[in-house]
């Protein structure tokens, strides 16, 4: 919220398992941050599997943190 209030794009990455918790938190804070959901679970993934997850999420993550170019 602090970054967004200063005009700095941001967000977070979480697994699908936490989608409902994210909705509840956004409602309680009155602020819905940018986010990217990835598959769950991730704790026991190999480096190669994590690389695959990162590759699939990359464009969405980049879109949430890169500000549009100024005119």
Protein backbone atom coordinates (compact mmCIF):
# COMPACT_ATOMS: atom_id res chain seq x y z
CA UNK A 1 0.00 0.00 0.00
CA UNK A 2 2.86 2.36 0.81
CA UNK A 3 4.51 1.86 -2.56
CA UNK A 4 1.26 2.37 -4.44
CA UNK A 5 0.54 5.55 -2.47
CA UNK A 6 3.92 6.91 -3.66
CA UNK A 7 3.20 5.99 -7.28
CA UNK A 8 5.56 3.01 -7.31
CA UNK A 9 4.02 -0.05 -8.95
CA UNK A 10 4.22 -3.22 -6.92
CA UNK A 11 2.47 -6.41 -5.99
CA UNK A 12 3.06 -9.88 -4.73
CA UNK A 13 3.12 -13.51 -5.78
CA UNK A 14 1.22 -16.21 -3.96
CA UNK A 15 -0.08 -19.69 -4.62
CA UNK A 16 -3.66 -20.53 -5.55
CA UNK A 17 -4.13 -22.04 -2.09
CA UNK A 18 -4.18 -18.51 -0.65
CA UNK A 19 -6.68 -16.94 -3.06
CA UNK A 20 -9.50 -16.80 -0.47
CA UNK A 21 -7.18 -15.45 2.24
CA UNK A 22 -6.04 -12.75 -0.19
CA UNK A 23 -9.64 -11.72 -0.85
CA UNK A 24 -10.36 -11.54 2.89
CA UNK A 25 -7.22 -9.48 3.55
CA UNK A 26 -7.98 -7.08 0.70
CA UNK A 27 -11.50 -6.59 2.04
CA UNK A 28 -10.30 -5.95 5.60
CA UNK A 29 -7.63 -3.47 4.44
CA UNK A 30 -9.83 -1.83 1.83
CA UNK A 31 -7.00 -2.23 -0.66
CA UNK A 32 -6.60 -4.78 -3.43
CA UNK A 33 -2.95 -4.94 -4.48
CA UNK A 34 -1.68 -6.31 -7.76
CA UNK A 35 -0.94 -9.99 -7.49
CA UNK A 36 0.02 -13.07 -9.46
CA UNK A 37 -1.19 -16.51 -8.45
CA UNK A 38 0.96 -19.56 -9.13
CA UNK A 39 0.29 -23.25 -8.64
CA UNK A 40 0.36 -24.81 -5.18
CA UNK A 41 2.35 -26.23 -3.44
CA UNK A 42 5.82 -24.86 -4.02
CA UNK A 43 7.80 -25.86 -0.91
CA UNK A 44 8.94 -29.25 -2.20
CA UNK A 45 9.58 -28.27 -5.82
CA UNK A 46 12.87 -28.91 -7.52
CA UNK A 47 14.87 -26.02 -8.92
CA UNK A 48 13.74 -27.03 -12.40
CA UNK A 49 10.07 -27.07 -11.36
CA UNK A 50 10.42 -23.66 -9.71
CA UNK A 51 12.05 -22.38 -12.87
CA UNK A 52 9.07 -23.59 -14.89
CA UNK A 53 6.63 -21.89 -12.50
CA UNK A 54 8.65 -18.68 -12.70
CA UNK A 55 8.73 -18.80 -16.50
CA UNK A 56 4.95 -19.19 -16.66
CA UNK A 57 4.41 -16.30 -14.23
CA UNK A 58 7.09 -13.97 -15.64
CA UNK A 59 4.97 -11.87 -18.01
CA UNK A 60 2.25 -11.36 -15.39
CA UNK A 61 4.82 -10.37 -12.76
CA UNK A 62 6.56 -8.01 -15.15
CA UNK A 63 3.23 -6.40 -16.07
CA UNK A 64 2.39 -5.69 -12.44
CA UNK A 65 5.68 -3.94 -11.63
CA UNK A 66 6.57 -2.09 -14.79
CA UNK A 67 5.03 1.34 -15.04
CA UNK A 68 3.71 2.31 -18.46
CA UNK A 69 6.01 4.62 -20.39
CA UNK A 70 5.33 8.32 -20.01
CA UNK A 71 4.14 10.25 -23.08
